[in-house]
Amino acid sequence: MASVTFWLLRQIVGLSHEVRGRHNLPEGAVIVALKHQSAWEAIALWVLVKSPAIVLKQSLTRIPVFGLYMRRGELS
């Protein structure tokens, strides 16, 4: 679902992204802390990180659109 959102954002509004520093991540498990500068990064996490395990407050699942992503990701 996140990949479709990326595609739609690129096609409809011309939004693109650049990933920097990925080569600095160690192999295996790692903790990634998001800065929460936008809702986009929460969606991007699903595409950019392999097999993410996400911790969030249950109240976040009630946010329109974002909450749908969280529930569909079996996080609630």
Protein backbone atom coordinates (compact mmCIF):
# COMPACT_ATOMS: atom_id res chain seq x y z
CA MET A 1 0.00 0.00 0.00
CA ALA A 2 2.86 2.41 0.79
CA SER A 3 4.49 1.70 -2.58
CA VAL A 4 1.23 2.64 -4.29
CA THR A 5 1.13 5.87 -2.28
CA PHE A 6 4.71 6.68 -3.36
CA TRP A 7 3.75 6.08 -6.99
CA LEU A 8 0.61 8.22 -6.71
CA LEU A 9 2.52 11.08 -5.07
CA ARG A 10 5.10 10.97 -7.86
CA GLN A 11 2.45 10.88 -10.62
CA ILE A 12 -0.08 13.36 -9.21
CA VAL A 13 1.99 16.00 -7.44
CA GLY A 14 5.51 15.27 -8.73
CA LEU A 15 6.87 14.44 -5.28
CA SER A 16 10.14 12.56 -5.27
CA HIS A 17 12.51 11.56 -2.49
CA GLU A 18 16.18 10.95 -1.90
CA VAL A 19 17.63 8.54 0.68
CA ARG A 20 20.99 9.53 2.13
CA GLY A 21 23.21 7.52 4.44
CA ARG A 22 21.63 4.10 3.89
CA HIS A 23 25.14 2.66 3.49
CA ASN A 24 25.81 3.64 7.13
CA LEU A 25 23.18 1.25 8.48
CA PRO A 26 24.64 -1.94 9.93
CA GLU A 27 23.52 -5.37 8.74
CA GLY A 28 20.84 -7.02 10.86
CA ALA A 29 18.50 -5.43 13.36
CA VAL A 30 18.66 -1.69 13.90
CA ILE A 31 16.59 0.98 15.65
CA VAL A 32 15.40 3.83 13.44
CA ALA A 33 13.99 6.87 15.23
CA LEU A 34 11.87 9.18 13.08
CA LYS A 35 11.99 12.94 13.60
CA HIS A 36 8.28 13.32 12.75
CA GLN A 37 8.76 16.24 10.41
CA SER A 38 5.76 15.06 8.40
CA ALA A 39 3.32 12.19 7.99
CA TRP A 40 5.22 11.20 4.84
CA GLU A 41 8.08 9.64 6.80
CA ALA A 42 5.72 7.25 8.57
CA ILE A 43 4.52 5.98 5.19
CA ALA A 44 8.06 5.94 3.78
CA LEU A 45 9.25 3.69 6.59
CA TRP A 46 7.23 0.80 5.14
CA VAL A 47 9.04 1.08 1.81
CA LEU A 48 12.54 2.06 2.88
CA VAL A 49 13.13 -0.30 5.84
CA LYS A 50 13.03 -4.08 5.51
CA SER A 51 10.54 -5.76 7.89
CA PRO A 52 9.94 -2.83 10.25
CA ALA A 53 8.61 -3.44 13.75
CA ILE A 54 6.77 -0.26 14.74
CA VAL A 55 5.82 0.97 18.20
CA LEU A 56 3.07 3.59 18.39
CA LYS A 57 0.32 4.87 20.63
CA GLN A 58 -3.05 3.26 19.96
CA SER A 59 -4.64 6.70 19.59
CA LEU A 60 -2.60 7.19 16.38
CA THR A 61 -4.64 4.45 14.69
CA ARG A 62 -7.68 6.79 14.85
CA ILE A 63 -6.09 9.43 12.59
CA PRO A 64 -7.69 9.46 9.13
CA VAL A 65 -5.56 7.83 6.39
CA PHE A 66 -2.53 7.33 8.66
CA GLY A 67 -4.59 5.18 11.03
CA LEU A 68 -5.75 3.11 8.09
CA TYR A 69 -2.13 2.37 7.17
CA MET A 70 -1.39 1.34 10.74
CA ARG A 71 -4.43 -0.93 10.99
CA ARG A 72 -3.75 -2.52 7.60
CA GLY A 73 -0.20 -3.17 8.73
CA GLU A 74 -1.63 -5.23 11.61
CA LEU A 75 -0.18 -2.86 14.19
CA SER A 76 -3.31 -2.16 16.17
